Amino acid sequence: MADKEVQASVLPCSDIKSRDWYAWIDLMPPGPNHLHVVGEVYVPNPGINPILVPREPQGINPRILLLDLLLIQSPGIWPQVFVWKQAQYNKVVEGNQYDRVTIFCGEAIIADIEVKIVQ
Protein backbone atom coordinates (compact mmCIF):
# COMPACT_ATOMS: atom_id res chain seq x y z
CA MET A 1 0.00 0.00 0.00
CA ALA A 2 1.46 3.36 -1.03
CA ASP A 3 1.89 6.14 1.50
CA LYS A 4 -0.53 9.01 1.07
CA GLU A 5 1.03 12.44 0.90
CA VAL A 6 -0.67 14.66 3.46
CA GLN A 7 -0.47 18.40 2.92
CA ALA A 8 -1.65 21.47 4.76
CA SER A 9 -4.10 23.72 2.96
CA VAL A 10 -4.70 27.48 2.92
CA LEU A 11 -8.20 28.51 3.99
CA PRO A 12 -10.02 31.75 3.12
CA CYS A 13 -9.85 34.33 5.89
CA SER A 14 -12.90 36.42 4.93
CA ASP A 15 -15.07 37.55 7.88
CA ILE A 16 -12.40 36.41 10.34
CA LYS A 17 -12.28 38.08 13.77
CA SER A 18 -8.99 39.35 15.16
CA ARG A 19 -7.88 41.36 18.16
CA ASP A 20 -4.97 42.77 20.17
CA TRP A 21 -2.65 43.66 17.28
CA TYR A 22 0.65 45.17 18.39
CA ALA A 23 3.88 46.01 16.55
CA TRP A 24 7.22 47.13 17.91
CA ILE A 25 10.84 47.49 16.89
CA ASP A 26 13.39 46.40 19.49
CA LEU A 27 16.41 48.73 19.24
CA MET A 28 18.02 47.57 22.48
CA PRO A 29 21.69 46.62 22.33
CA PRO A 30 23.47 44.52 21.27
CA GLY A 31 21.35 44.15 18.11
CA PRO A 32 20.44 43.36 15.49
CA ASN A 33 17.21 45.37 15.56
CA HIS A 34 14.01 43.30 15.27
CA LEU A 35 10.47 44.15 14.19
CA HIS A 36 7.77 42.12 15.95
CA VAL A 37 4.08 41.99 14.99
CA VAL A 38 1.58 39.96 17.05
CA GLY A 39 -2.18 39.59 17.24
CA GLU A 40 -4.88 37.00 17.85
CA VAL A 41 -7.16 35.42 15.26
CA TYR A 42 -10.43 33.56 16.00
CA VAL A 43 -10.22 30.35 13.98
CA PRO A 44 -12.85 27.60 13.54
CA ASN A 45 -10.66 24.73 14.79
CA PRO A 46 -7.41 24.26 16.74
CA GLY A 47 -5.63 22.81 13.68
CA ILE A 48 -5.65 26.17 11.88
CA ASN A 49 -2.46 28.20 12.23
CA PRO A 50 -2.64 31.92 11.37
CA ILE A 51 0.57 33.22 9.83
CA LEU A 52 1.66 36.64 8.57
CA VAL A 53 3.67 36.96 5.37
CA PRO A 54 4.94 40.02 3.47
CA ARG A 55 2.44 41.23 0.87
CA GLU A 56 3.58 41.42 -2.75
CA PRO A 57 3.95 44.11 -3.97
CA GLN A 58 4.83 46.04 -0.82
CA GLY A 59 3.26 49.35 -1.87
CA ILE A 60 4.57 52.82 -2.53
CA ASN A 61 5.37 53.93 1.04
CA PRO A 62 8.49 52.14 2.36
CA ARG A 63 7.63 53.24 5.95
CA ILE A 64 4.48 51.05 5.96
CA LEU A 65 4.94 47.27 6.06
CA LEU A 66 2.12 45.37 4.33
CA LEU A 67 1.39 41.83 5.58
CA ASP A 68 -1.09 39.17 4.45
CA LEU A 69 -2.86 36.94 6.96
CA LEU A 70 -2.95 33.30 5.86
CA LEU A 71 -4.86 30.54 7.63
CA ILE A 72 -3.08 27.20 7.28
CA GLN A 73 -5.16 24.10 8.05
CA SER A 74 -2.97 21.31 9.42
CA PRO A 75 -3.81 17.79 8.21
CA GLY A 76 -5.89 15.54 10.44
CA ILE A 77 -9.24 15.49 12.15
CA TRP A 78 -9.86 18.49 14.41
CA PRO A 79 -12.76 19.32 16.73
CA GLN A 80 -15.00 22.01 15.23
CA VAL A 81 -14.59 24.51 18.04
CA PHE A 82 -13.56 28.16 17.66
CA VAL A 83 -10.33 29.17 19.41
CA TRP A 84 -8.11 32.27 19.57
CA LYS A 85 -4.65 31.62 18.12
CA GLN A 86 -1.67 33.95 17.94
CA ALA A 87 -0.34 35.22 14.63
CA GLN A 88 3.15 36.67 14.59
CA TYR A 89 5.76 38.07 12.25
CA ASN A 90 9.42 38.81 13.07
CA LYS A 91 12.03 40.49 10.91
CA VAL A 92 15.53 41.94 11.32
CA VAL A 93 15.36 45.64 10.38
CA GLU A 94 17.66 48.62 9.90
CA GLY A 95 16.94 51.10 12.71
CA ASN A 96 13.33 52.20 13.01
CA GLN A 97 12.54 51.60 9.34
CA TYR A 98 8.73 51.22 9.75
CA ASP A 99 6.09 53.58 11.18
CA ARG A 100 3.00 51.42 10.53
CA VAL A 101 1.99 47.86 9.73
CA THR A 102 -1.14 47.12 7.68
CA ILE A 103 -2.52 43.58 7.76
CA PHE A 104 -4.73 42.28 4.95
CA CYS A 105 -7.17 39.40 4.59
CA GLY A 106 -7.42 39.16 0.81
CA GLU A 107 -8.13 42.75 -0.26
CA ALA A 108 -9.67 43.79 3.09
CA ILE A 109 -7.62 45.57 5.75
CA ILE A 110 -8.14 43.84 9.11
CA ALA A 111 -5.58 45.85 11.12
CA ASP A 112 -3.63 49.08 10.71
CA ILE A 113 -1.25 49.55 13.62
CA GLU A 114 1.39 52.03 14.68
CA VAL A 115 4.88 50.60 15.26
CA LYS A 116 6.23 51.37 18.75
CA ILE A 117 9.95 51.79 19.38
CA VAL A 118 11.60 49.97 22.32
CA GLN A 119 15.01 51.39 23.28
C-alpha atoms as a PDB file:
ATOM      1  CA  MET A   1       0.000   0.000   0.000  1.00  0.00           C
ATOM      2  CA  ALA A   2       1.464   3.357  -1.032  1.00  0.00           C
ATOM      3  CA  ASP A   3       1.889   6.143   1.502  1.00  0.00           C
ATOM      4  CA  LYS A   4      -0.534   9.012   1.068  1.00  0.00           C
ATOM      5  CA  GLU A   5       1.026  12.440   0.901  1.00  0.00           C
ATOM      6  CA  VAL A   6      -0.674  14.661   3.458  1.00  0.00           C
ATOM      7  CA  GLN A   7      -0.470  18.404   2.923  1.00  0.00           C
ATOM      8  CA  ALA A   8      -1.654  21.471   4.763  1.00  0.00           C
ATOM      9  CA  SER A   9      -4.104  23.720   2.956  1.00  0.00           C
ATOM     10  CA  VAL A  10      -4.698  27.481   2.916  1.00  0.00           C
ATOM     11  CA  LEU A  11      -8.196  28.507   3.991  1.00  0.00           C
ATOM     12  CA  PRO A  12     -10.019  31.746   3.120  1.00  0.00           C
ATOM     13  CA  CYS A  13      -9.849  34.335   5.886  1.00  0.00           C
ATOM     14  CA  SER A  14     -12.901  36.416   4.931  1.00  0.00           C
ATOM     15  CA  ASP A  15     -15.069  37.548   7.876  1.00  0.00           C
ATOM     16  CA  ILE A  16     -12.399  36.409  10.335  1.00  0.00           C
ATOM     17  CA  LYS A  17     -12.278  38.075  13.766  1.00  0.00           C
ATOM     18  CA  SER A  18      -8.994  39.345  15.159  1.00  0.00           C
ATOM     19  CA  ARG A  19      -7.875  41.364  18.163  1.00  0.00           C
ATOM     20  CA  ASP A  20      -4.974  42.771  20.173  1.00  0.00           C
ATOM     21  CA  TRP A  21      -2.646  43.658  17.283  1.00  0.00           C
ATOM     22  CA  TYR A  22       0.649  45.167  18.391  1.00  0.00           C
ATOM     23  CA  ALA A  23       3.882  46.005  16.549  1.00  0.00           C
ATOM     24  CA  TRP A  24       7.225  47.133  17.910  1.00  0.00           C
ATOM     25  CA  ILE A  25      10.843  47.493  16.891  1.00  0.00           C
ATOM     26  CA  ASP A  26      13.393  46.399  19.486  1.00  0.00           C
ATOM     27  CA  LEU A  27      16.405  48.728  19.238  1.00  0.00           C
ATOM     28  CA  MET A  28      18.020  47.569  22.476  1.00  0.00           C
ATOM     29  CA  PRO A  29      21.690  46.616  22.327  1.00  0.00           C
ATOM     30  CA  PRO A  30      23.475  44.515  21.266  1.00  0.00           C
ATOM     31  CA  GLY A  31      21.345  44.153  18.113  1.00  0.00           C
ATOM     32  CA  PRO A  32      20.436  43.363  15.485  1.00  0.00           C
ATOM     33  CA  ASN A  33      17.206  45.371  15.556  1.00  0.00           C
ATOM     34  CA  HIS A  34      14.009  43.304  15.265  1.00  0.00           C
ATOM     35  CA  LEU A  35      10.469  44.152  14.187  1.00  0.00           C
ATOM     36  CA  HIS A  36       7.774  42.116  15.953  1.00  0.00           C
ATOM     37  CA  VAL A  37       4.077  41.990  14.995  1.00  0.00           C
ATOM     38  CA  VAL A  38       1.580  39.964  17.053  1.00  0.00           C
ATOM     39  CA  GLY A  39      -2.178  39.587  17.240  1.00  0.00           C
ATOM     40  CA  GLU A  40      -4.875  37.003  17.854  1.00  0.00           C
ATOM     41  CA  VAL A  41      -7.162  35.420  15.262  1.00  0.00           C
ATOM     42  CA  TYR A  42     -10.428  33.565  15.998  1.00  0.00           C
ATOM     43  CA  VAL A  43     -10.216  30.347  13.977  1.00  0.00           C
ATOM     44  CA  PRO A  44     -12.850  27.595  13.535  1.00  0.00           C
ATOM     45  CA  ASN A  45     -10.661  24.726  14.789  1.00  0.00           C
ATOM     46  CA  PRO A  46      -7.408  24.258  16.742  1.00  0.00           C
ATOM     47  CA  GLY A  47      -5.630  22.813  13.677  1.00  0.00           C
ATOM     48  CA  ILE A  48      -5.647  26.165  11.881  1.00  0.00           C
ATOM     49  CA  ASN A  49      -2.461  28.205  12.231  1.00  0.00           C
ATOM     50  CA  PRO A  50      -2.640  31.919  11.372  1.00  0.00           C
ATOM     51  CA  ILE A  51       0.569  33.224   9.834  1.00  0.00           C
ATOM     52  CA  LEU A  52       1.656  36.635   8.572  1.00  0.00           C
ATOM     53  CA  VAL A  53       3.674  36.957   5.366  1.00  0.00           C
ATOM     54  CA  PRO A  54       4.939  40.017   3.469  1.00  0.00           C
ATOM     55  CA  ARG A  55       2.437  41.226   0.866  1.00  0.00           C
ATOM     56  CA  GLU A  56       3.576  41.423  -2.753  1.00  0.00           C
ATOM     57  CA  PRO A  57       3.947  44.105  -3.974  1.00  0.00           C
ATOM     58  CA  GLN A  58       4.834  46.038  -0.822  1.00  0.00           C
ATOM     59  CA  GLY A  59       3.261  49.346  -1.871  1.00  0.00           C
ATOM     60  CA  ILE A  60       4.575  52.823  -2.531  1.00  0.00           C
ATOM     61  CA  ASN A  61       5.366  53.929   1.042  1.00  0.00           C
ATOM     62  CA  PRO A  62       8.488  52.140   2.359  1.00  0.00           C
ATOM     63  CA  ARG A  63       7.626  53.238   5.951  1.00  0.00           C
ATOM     64  CA  ILE A  64       4.476  51.051   5.963  1.00  0.00           C
ATOM     65  CA  LEU A  65       4.940  47.275   6.061  1.00  0.00           C
ATOM     66  CA  LEU A  66       2.124  45.371   4.335  1.00  0.00           C
ATOM     67  CA  LEU A  67       1.393  41.835   5.576  1.00  0.00           C
ATOM     68  CA  ASP A  68      -1.088  39.170   4.449  1.00  0.00           C
ATOM     69  CA  LEU A  69      -2.856  36.943   6.959  1.00  0.00           C
ATOM     70  CA  LEU A  70      -2.949  33.298   5.859  1.00  0.00           C
ATOM     71  CA  LEU A  71      -4.864  30.540   7.629  1.00  0.00           C
ATOM     72  CA  ILE A  72      -3.079  27.200   7.283  1.00  0.00           C
ATOM     73  CA  GLN A  73      -5.161  24.098   8.054  1.00  0.00           C
ATOM     74  CA  SER A  74      -2.974  21.310   9.417  1.00  0.00           C
ATOM     75  CA  PRO A  75      -3.815  17.790   8.211  1.00  0.00           C
ATOM     76  CA  GLY A  76      -5.891  15.539  10.436  1.00  0.00           C
ATOM     77  CA  ILE A  77      -9.242  15.487  12.154  1.00  0.00           C
ATOM     78  CA  TRP A  78      -9.856  18.490  14.406  1.00  0.00           C
ATOM     79  CA  PRO A  79     -12.760  19.315  16.725  1.00  0.00           C
ATOM     80  CA  GLN A  80     -15.001  22.010  15.227  1.00  0.00           C
ATOM     81  CA  VAL A  81     -14.588  24.508  18.039  1.00  0.00           C
ATOM     82  CA  PHE A  82     -13.561  28.155  17.660  1.00  0.00           C
ATOM     83  CA  VAL A  83     -10.325  29.174  19.411  1.00  0.00           C
ATOM     84  CA  TRP A  84      -8.114  32.270  19.566  1.00  0.00           C
ATOM     85  CA  LYS A  85      -4.654  31.620  18.116  1.00  0.00           C
ATOM     86  CA  GLN A  86      -1.673  33.952  17.936  1.00  0.00           C
ATOM     87  CA  ALA A  87      -0.344  35.215  14.627  1.00  0.00           C
ATOM     88  CA  GLN A  88       3.148  36.666  14.585  1.00  0.00           C
ATOM     89  CA  TYR A  89       5.763  38.075  12.252  1.00  0.00           C
ATOM     90  CA  ASN A  90       9.415  38.812  13.065  1.00  0.00           C
ATOM     91  CA  LYS A  91      12.028  40.486  10.909  1.00  0.00           C
ATOM     92  CA  VAL A  92      15.525  41.940  11.318  1.00  0.00           C
ATOM     93  CA  VAL A  93      15.365  45.641  10.378  1.00  0.00           C
ATOM     94  CA  GLU A  94      17.663  48.621   9.903  1.00  0.00           C
ATOM     95  CA  GLY A  95      16.943  51.100  12.706  1.00  0.00           C
ATOM     96  CA  ASN A  96      13.326  52.200  13.005  1.00  0.00           C
ATOM     97  CA  GLN A  97      12.540  51.600   9.339  1.00  0.00           C
ATOM     98  CA  TYR A  98       8.730  51.217   9.749  1.00  0.00           C
ATOM     99  CA  ASP A  99       6.093  53.581  11.177  1.00  0.00           C
ATOM    100  CA  ARG A 100       2.999  51.415  10.526  1.00  0.00           C
ATOM    101  CA  VAL A 101       1.986  47.856   9.731  1.00  0.00           C
ATOM    102  CA  THR A 102      -1.139  47.122   7.676  1.00  0.00           C
ATOM    103  CA  ILE A 103      -2.518  43.576   7.763  1.00  0.00           C
ATOM    104  CA  PHE A 104      -4.728  42.277   4.950  1.00  0.00           C
ATOM    105  CA  CYS A 105      -7.169  39.398   4.593  1.00  0.00           C
ATOM    106  CA  GLY A 106      -7.425  39.156   0.810  1.00  0.00           C
ATOM    107  CA  GLU A 107      -8.127  42.749  -0.260  1.00  0.00           C
ATOM    108  CA  ALA A 108      -9.673  43.791   3.085  1.00  0.00           C
ATOM    109  CA  ILE A 109      -7.618  45.575   5.747  1.00  0.00           C
ATOM    110  CA  ILE A 110      -8.138  43.841   9.108  1.00  0.00           C
ATOM    111  CA  ALA A 111      -5.582  45.847  11.125  1.00  0.00           C
ATOM    112  CA  ASP A 112      -3.629  49.079  10.711  1.00  0.00           C
ATOM    113  CA  ILE A 113      -1.252  49.547  13.624  1.00  0.00           C
ATOM    114  CA  GLU A 114       1.394  52.027  14.676  1.00  0.00           C
ATOM    115  CA  VAL A 115       4.880  50.602  15.263  1.00  0.00           C
ATOM    116  CA  LYS A 116       6.233  51.374  18.748  1.00  0.00           C
ATOM    117  CA  ILE A 117       9.952  51.786  19.378  1.00  0.00           C
ATOM    118  CA  VAL A 118      11.605  49.972  22.320  1.00  0.00           C
ATOM    119  CA  GLN A 119      15.009  51.390  23.279  1.00  0.00           C
END
